[in-house]
Amino acid sequence: MLLFMGKAQEKNDSLPYAEIPEAPEFYNACTVVARMVDGLGFRYYWATEGLRPEDLAFTPGEGSRTSGETLDHILDLSQVILNSALHKENKGADFSGLSFKQKRSLTLNNLKTAADIFRNCNDLASFTVVFAGNNGTSTYPFWNQINGPIEDAIWHCGQIVSLRRSSGNPFNSKVSVFLGTLRN
């Protein structure tokens, strides 16, 4: 993963999802899921664009996650989405040594890679979600990917937008999530 992220950073920090990719020419289950992940990537890109250290440290109160901790959770969810696309088990990963910039790049590239795989598949049934632990593995059908990691990550992107407003750094008002572009 980090090698892939490093290549993205070598391109002068060129990251996916500043705009949503062109829509596929046809609808099927795979292209719809890919578009859902693209929509998540677009929202994440703009929810995290321009975050400051004080935004990352912001929490609405005791017992709540900071924005940075919420972003770490979204990174974990992006890894689950990617691992499903790659037919890999989720064994947990430690991203604590990465900077915010590195985590952001990794999250966006995880989502882009997964969306590209889903966009070009024929059947989602083989893209199970597998968690490996000390007591063996648990396997879930792709349905759980939709209502689990994908929708959970979208939910948390909304939280980041709300938290950044609260910390005095509002979301870019020129972002059109409907069109998937930045308005002039």
Protein backbone atom coordinates (compact mmCIF):
# COMPACT_ATOMS: atom_id res chain seq x y z
CA MET A 1 0.00 0.00 0.00
CA LEU A 2 2.64 2.52 0.93
CA LEU A 3 4.55 1.96 -2.29
CA PHE A 4 1.40 2.77 -4.25
CA MET A 5 0.82 5.85 -2.13
CA GLY A 6 4.40 6.97 -2.67
CA LYS A 7 3.95 6.87 -6.44
CA ALA A 8 0.89 9.10 -6.11
CA GLN A 9 2.90 11.59 -4.07
CA GLU A 10 5.73 11.62 -6.64
CA LYS A 11 3.27 13.12 -9.12
CA ASN A 12 3.38 16.44 -7.27
CA ASP A 13 0.70 15.34 -4.83
CA SER A 14 -1.77 14.57 -7.61
CA LEU A 15 -4.63 12.84 -5.86
CA PRO A 16 -7.77 11.26 -7.26
CA TYR A 17 -11.24 12.66 -6.70
CA ALA A 18 -10.81 16.42 -6.98
CA GLU A 19 -13.59 15.78 -9.50
CA ILE A 20 -15.73 12.70 -9.80
CA PRO A 21 -14.76 10.51 -12.80
CA GLU A 22 -16.91 10.33 -15.90
CA ALA A 23 -19.99 8.18 -15.41
CA PRO A 24 -19.95 4.76 -17.06
CA GLU A 25 -21.97 4.43 -20.26
CA PHE A 26 -24.15 1.68 -18.82
CA TYR A 27 -25.70 0.70 -15.53
CA ASN A 28 -25.14 -2.61 -13.80
CA ALA A 29 -24.47 -3.60 -10.21
CA CYS A 30 -20.71 -3.21 -10.63
CA THR A 31 -20.81 0.26 -12.20
CA VAL A 32 -23.30 1.47 -9.59
CA VAL A 33 -21.06 0.32 -6.72
CA ALA A 34 -18.03 1.87 -8.42
CA ARG A 35 -19.94 5.15 -8.66
CA MET A 36 -20.86 4.93 -4.97
CA VAL A 37 -17.18 4.55 -4.11
CA ASP A 38 -16.30 7.40 -6.50
CA GLY A 39 -18.88 9.57 -4.71
CA LEU A 40 -17.30 8.66 -1.38
CA GLY A 41 -13.86 9.54 -2.77
CA PHE A 42 -15.08 12.91 -4.01
CA ARG A 43 -16.71 13.74 -0.67
CA TYR A 44 -13.62 12.60 1.24
CA TYR A 45 -11.31 14.64 -0.98
CA TRP A 46 -13.19 17.87 -0.31
CA ALA A 47 -14.02 17.10 3.33
CA THR A 48 -10.29 16.76 3.99
CA GLU A 49 -8.89 19.42 1.63
CA GLY A 50 -7.16 22.16 3.59
CA LEU A 51 -7.52 20.63 7.04
CA ARG A 52 -5.22 22.25 9.58
CA PRO A 53 -3.60 20.66 12.64
CA GLU A 54 -6.19 22.37 14.86
CA ASP A 55 -8.98 20.84 12.72
CA LEU A 56 -7.46 17.36 13.10
CA ALA A 57 -7.27 17.81 16.88
CA PHE A 58 -10.82 19.18 17.19
CA THR A 59 -13.41 17.23 19.14
CA PRO A 60 -16.96 18.34 19.95
CA GLY A 61 -16.58 17.09 23.50
CA GLU A 62 -15.21 14.54 25.90
CA GLY A 63 -15.71 10.98 24.77
CA SER A 64 -15.96 11.96 21.11
CA ARG A 65 -13.44 11.19 18.40
CA THR A 66 -11.26 13.98 17.12
CA SER A 67 -11.41 14.76 13.42
CA GLY A 68 -8.05 13.01 13.07
CA GLU A 69 -9.34 9.88 14.78
CA THR A 70 -12.41 9.92 12.53
CA LEU A 71 -10.13 10.17 9.49
CA ASP A 72 -8.15 7.19 10.79
CA HIS A 73 -11.41 5.24 10.94
CA ILE A 74 -12.23 6.22 7.35
CA LEU A 75 -8.76 5.02 6.31
CA ASP A 76 -9.48 1.66 7.98
CA LEU A 77 -12.83 1.48 6.15
CA SER A 78 -11.14 2.29 2.83
CA GLN A 79 -8.77 -0.60 3.48
CA VAL A 80 -11.73 -2.96 4.03
CA ILE A 81 -13.29 -1.76 0.76
CA LEU A 82 -10.00 -2.24 -1.10
CA ASN A 83 -9.30 -5.64 0.43
CA SER A 84 -12.72 -6.84 -0.71
CA ALA A 85 -11.95 -5.63 -4.25
CA LEU A 86 -8.58 -7.41 -4.14
CA HIS A 87 -10.09 -10.59 -2.60
CA LYS A 88 -7.89 -10.18 0.48
CA GLU A 89 -8.58 -10.81 4.15
CA ASN A 90 -8.71 -7.90 6.57
CA LYS A 91 -6.10 -8.54 9.22
CA GLY A 92 -5.89 -5.04 10.61
CA ALA A 93 -3.16 -2.60 9.74
CA ASP A 94 -1.24 -0.03 11.72
CA PHE A 95 -1.22 3.37 10.02
CA SER A 96 -0.23 5.29 13.16
CA GLY A 97 3.22 6.18 11.83
CA LEU A 98 1.80 8.03 8.84
CA SER A 99 1.24 11.76 8.58
CA PHE A 100 -2.18 13.20 7.79
CA LYS A 101 -1.02 13.88 4.22
CA GLN A 102 0.08 10.25 3.80
CA LYS A 103 -3.15 8.90 5.30
CA ARG A 104 -5.22 11.14 3.04
CA SER A 105 -3.33 9.98 -0.03
CA LEU A 106 -3.62 6.34 0.96
CA THR A 107 -7.36 6.63 1.63
CA LEU A 108 -8.04 8.31 -1.72
CA ASN A 109 -5.89 5.84 -3.63
CA ASN A 110 -7.51 2.87 -1.83
CA LEU A 111 -10.93 4.13 -2.91
CA LYS A 112 -9.82 4.82 -6.49
CA THR A 113 -8.25 1.37 -6.88
CA ALA A 114 -11.34 -0.34 -5.46
CA ALA A 115 -13.72 1.69 -7.64
CA ASP A 116 -11.70 0.84 -10.76
CA ILE A 117 -11.84 -2.86 -9.92
CA PHE A 118 -15.59 -2.78 -9.24
CA ARG A 119 -16.22 -0.71 -12.38
CA ASN A 120 -14.68 -3.46 -14.50
CA CYS A 121 -16.15 -6.53 -12.82
CA ASN A 122 -19.07 -8.66 -13.98
CA ASP A 123 -20.45 -9.94 -10.68
CA LEU A 124 -20.14 -8.60 -7.14
CA ALA A 125 -20.84 -11.94 -5.46
CA SER A 126 -17.17 -12.89 -5.39
CA PHE A 127 -16.18 -9.69 -3.56
CA THR A 128 -16.82 -10.92 -0.05
CA VAL A 129 -15.67 -9.12 3.06
CA VAL A 130 -13.36 -11.32 5.11
CA PHE A 131 -12.04 -10.53 8.58
CA ALA A 132 -9.22 -12.66 9.95
CA GLY A 133 -8.68 -12.82 13.68
CA ASN A 134 -7.34 -15.01 16.45
CA ASN A 135 -10.48 -17.15 16.35
CA GLY A 136 -10.42 -17.75 12.59
CA THR A 137 -12.09 -15.87 9.77
CA SER A 138 -15.53 -14.40 9.31
CA THR A 139 -16.83 -13.98 5.77
CA TYR A 140 -19.69 -11.70 4.75
CA PRO A 141 -21.42 -11.22 1.41
CA PHE A 142 -20.89 -8.05 -0.64
CA TRP A 143 -24.22 -6.70 0.64
CA ASN A 144 -22.45 -6.00 3.93
CA GLN A 145 -19.82 -3.98 2.06
CA ILE A 146 -22.54 -1.57 0.92
CA ASN A 147 -24.35 -1.03 4.22
CA GLY A 148 -21.12 -1.42 6.19
CA PRO A 149 -17.81 0.18 5.13
CA ILE A 150 -19.04 2.17 2.12
CA GLU A 151 -22.00 3.82 3.83
CA ASP A 152 -20.15 4.16 7.13
CA ALA A 153 -17.32 6.04 5.41
CA ILE A 154 -19.83 8.37 3.71
CA TRP A 155 -21.44 8.99 7.11
CA HIS A 156 -18.06 9.88 8.62
CA CYS A 157 -17.20 12.24 5.75
CA GLY A 158 -20.27 14.21 6.77
CA GLN A 159 -18.97 14.27 10.31
CA ILE A 160 -15.65 15.69 9.12
CA VAL A 161 -17.49 18.48 7.29
CA SER A 162 -19.44 19.29 10.45
CA LEU A 163 -16.36 19.12 12.68
CA ARG A 164 -14.31 21.36 10.41
CA ARG A 165 -17.10 23.96 10.48
CA SER A 166 -17.05 23.79 14.27
CA SER A 167 -13.28 24.28 14.34
CA GLY A 168 -13.54 27.40 12.16
CA ASN A 169 -12.53 25.95 8.79
CA PRO A 170 -15.69 25.44 6.73
CA PHE A 171 -16.09 23.11 3.77
CA ASN A 172 -15.46 24.75 0.38
CA SER A 173 -18.81 26.24 -0.67
CA LYS A 174 -17.93 25.81 -4.36
CA VAL A 175 -18.05 22.00 -4.12
CA SER A 176 -21.07 20.52 -5.87
CA VAL A 177 -21.59 16.99 -4.61
CA PHE A 178 -24.53 16.69 -7.02
CA LEU A 179 -22.39 17.39 -10.10
CA GLY A 180 -19.13 16.05 -8.68
CA THR A 181 -17.22 19.19 -9.58
CA LEU A 182 -16.05 22.48 -8.17
CA ARG A 183 -18.28 25.39 -9.24
CA ASN A 184 -16.65 28.54 -10.60
